[in-house]
Amino acid sequence: EKVTNVYETKYYIGLSAYKNGQWQWVDQTPYEKTAIFWKPGEPNLLFAEKCAAI
């Protein structure tokens, strides 16, 4: 069995969770929850995921 794409290339976009469920940009601006760039169903591990990448 051939394993392909074991390591995905991802790019950090400057958004991270500094507290459980509270996201902010690198300049400490709070994440605006009305923004609609999440894929439907994401973040799916709200308290386990700590950064946003594309």
N, C-alpha and C. Protein backbone atom coordinates (compact mmCIF):
# COMPACT_ATOMS: atom_id res chain seq x y z
N GLU A 1 0.85 -1.18 0.00
CA GLU A 1 0.00 0.00 0.00
C GLU A 1 0.89 1.24 0.00
N LYS A 2 0.64 2.11 -0.92
CA LYS A 2 1.42 3.34 -1.03
C LYS A 2 0.77 4.43 -0.18
N VAL A 3 1.56 5.05 0.66
CA VAL A 3 1.07 6.15 1.49
C VAL A 3 1.41 7.45 0.78
N THR A 4 0.42 8.25 0.53
CA THR A 4 0.65 9.54 -0.13
C THR A 4 0.16 10.67 0.73
N ASN A 5 0.78 11.80 0.56
CA ASN A 5 0.39 13.03 1.25
C ASN A 5 0.30 12.83 2.76
N VAL A 6 1.34 12.23 3.34
CA VAL A 6 1.38 12.02 4.78
C VAL A 6 1.41 13.35 5.51
N TYR A 7 2.18 14.28 4.98
CA TYR A 7 2.30 15.60 5.59
C TYR A 7 1.59 16.61 4.70
N GLU A 8 0.55 17.20 5.21
CA GLU A 8 -0.17 18.22 4.47
C GLU A 8 0.50 19.56 4.71
N THR A 9 0.58 20.38 3.67
CA THR A 9 1.09 21.73 3.83
C THR A 9 -0.04 22.60 4.32
N LYS A 10 0.18 23.26 5.44
CA LYS A 10 -0.82 24.16 6.01
C LYS A 10 -0.15 25.48 6.32
N TYR A 11 -0.93 26.55 6.25
CA TYR A 11 -0.42 27.88 6.51
C TYR A 11 -1.21 28.52 7.64
N TYR A 12 -0.52 28.94 8.68
CA TYR A 12 -1.14 29.60 9.82
C TYR A 12 -1.64 30.96 9.38
N ILE A 13 -2.89 31.30 9.71
CA ILE A 13 -3.47 32.56 9.25
C ILE A 13 -3.53 33.63 10.33
N GLY A 14 -2.91 33.38 11.47
CA GLY A 14 -2.86 34.39 12.52
C GLY A 14 -4.02 34.37 13.49
N LEU A 15 -4.75 33.29 13.54
CA LEU A 15 -5.90 33.16 14.44
C LEU A 15 -5.66 31.99 15.37
N SER A 16 -5.79 32.24 16.67
CA SER A 16 -5.57 31.17 17.63
C SER A 16 -6.50 31.32 18.82
N ALA A 17 -6.65 30.24 19.56
CA ALA A 17 -7.48 30.23 20.76
C ALA A 17 -6.56 30.49 21.95
N TYR A 18 -6.72 31.64 22.58
CA TYR A 18 -5.88 31.94 23.73
C TYR A 18 -6.52 31.44 25.02
N LYS A 19 -7.82 31.20 25.01
CA LYS A 19 -8.55 30.57 26.11
C LYS A 19 -9.54 29.61 25.46
N ASN A 20 -10.04 28.68 26.21
CA ASN A 20 -10.98 27.70 25.65
C ASN A 20 -12.15 28.37 24.96
N GLY A 21 -12.22 28.18 23.65
CA GLY A 21 -13.33 28.70 22.87
C GLY A 21 -13.28 30.17 22.57
N GLN A 22 -12.24 30.88 23.03
CA GLN A 22 -12.12 32.32 22.77
C GLN A 22 -10.95 32.54 21.82
N TRP A 23 -11.26 32.91 20.60
CA TRP A 23 -10.26 33.06 19.55
C TRP A 23 -9.88 34.51 19.38
N GLN A 24 -8.61 34.74 18.99
CA GLN A 24 -8.15 36.10 18.70
C GLN A 24 -7.07 36.06 17.62
N TRP A 25 -6.92 37.21 16.95
CA TRP A 25 -5.90 37.37 15.92
C TRP A 25 -4.57 37.69 16.58
N VAL A 26 -3.46 37.59 15.83
CA VAL A 26 -2.13 37.82 16.40
C VAL A 26 -1.97 39.22 16.99
N ASP A 27 -2.74 40.19 16.52
CA ASP A 27 -2.67 41.55 17.09
C ASP A 27 -3.59 41.70 18.30
N GLN A 28 -4.12 40.59 18.80
CA GLN A 28 -4.98 40.48 19.97
C GLN A 28 -6.40 41.00 19.75
N THR A 29 -6.78 41.24 18.50
CA THR A 29 -8.15 41.60 18.17
C THR A 29 -9.01 40.35 18.34
N PRO A 30 -10.13 40.46 19.06
CA PRO A 30 -10.99 39.28 19.21
C PRO A 30 -11.54 38.82 17.86
N TYR A 31 -11.71 37.54 17.73
CA TYR A 31 -12.31 36.96 16.53
C TYR A 31 -13.77 37.37 16.48
N GLU A 32 -14.20 37.89 15.35
CA GLU A 32 -15.60 38.30 15.15
C GLU A 32 -16.41 37.08 14.76
N LYS A 33 -17.26 36.63 15.65
CA LYS A 33 -18.00 35.38 15.42
C LYS A 33 -18.94 35.42 14.24
N THR A 34 -19.20 36.60 13.70
CA THR A 34 -20.07 36.66 12.53
C THR A 34 -19.30 36.39 11.24
N ALA A 35 -17.98 36.30 11.31
CA ALA A 35 -17.19 35.98 10.12
C ALA A 35 -17.58 34.59 9.64
N ILE A 36 -17.65 34.42 8.34
CA ILE A 36 -18.10 33.13 7.81
C ILE A 36 -17.04 32.50 6.90
N PHE A 37 -15.89 32.19 7.48
CA PHE A 37 -14.88 31.52 6.68
C PHE A 37 -14.63 30.10 7.14
N TRP A 38 -15.28 29.66 8.21
CA TRP A 38 -15.12 28.29 8.65
C TRP A 38 -15.83 27.35 7.67
N LYS A 39 -15.25 26.20 7.48
CA LYS A 39 -15.92 25.13 6.74
C LYS A 39 -17.11 24.69 7.60
N PRO A 40 -18.25 24.35 7.00
CA PRO A 40 -19.39 23.90 7.80
C PRO A 40 -18.98 22.77 8.76
N GLY A 41 -19.39 22.90 10.02
CA GLY A 41 -19.05 21.90 11.03
C GLY A 41 -17.75 22.17 11.76
N GLU A 42 -17.04 23.23 11.41
CA GLU A 42 -15.77 23.57 12.05
C GLU A 42 -15.91 24.82 12.90
N PRO A 43 -15.11 25.03 13.89
CA PRO A 43 -14.20 24.03 14.46
C PRO A 43 -14.99 22.92 15.14
N ASN A 44 -14.61 21.69 14.87
CA ASN A 44 -15.39 20.56 15.37
C ASN A 44 -14.89 20.06 16.73
N LEU A 45 -13.73 20.47 17.12
CA LEU A 45 -13.19 20.15 18.45
C LEU A 45 -12.91 21.47 19.16
N LEU A 46 -13.96 22.21 19.42
CA LEU A 46 -13.87 23.60 19.86
C LEU A 46 -12.82 23.84 20.94
N PHE A 47 -12.75 23.01 21.96
CA PHE A 47 -11.81 23.26 23.05
C PHE A 47 -10.46 22.58 22.85
N ALA A 48 -10.32 21.75 21.83
CA ALA A 48 -9.06 21.07 21.57
C ALA A 48 -8.25 21.75 20.47
N GLU A 49 -8.92 22.45 19.57
CA GLU A 49 -8.22 23.10 18.46
C GLU A 49 -7.75 24.47 18.91
N LYS A 50 -6.48 24.78 18.65
CA LYS A 50 -5.89 26.00 19.18
C LYS A 50 -5.41 26.99 18.14
N CYS A 51 -5.44 26.64 16.86
CA CYS A 51 -5.03 27.60 15.83
C CYS A 51 -5.76 27.31 14.53
N ALA A 52 -5.81 28.33 13.68
CA ALA A 52 -6.48 28.20 12.39
C ALA A 52 -5.44 28.17 11.28
N ALA A 53 -5.61 27.26 10.34
CA ALA A 53 -4.68 27.13 9.22
C ALA A 53 -5.47 26.82 7.96
N ILE A 54 -4.86 27.17 6.84
CA ILE A 54 -5.47 26.83 5.55
C ILE A 54 -4.50 25.98 4.77
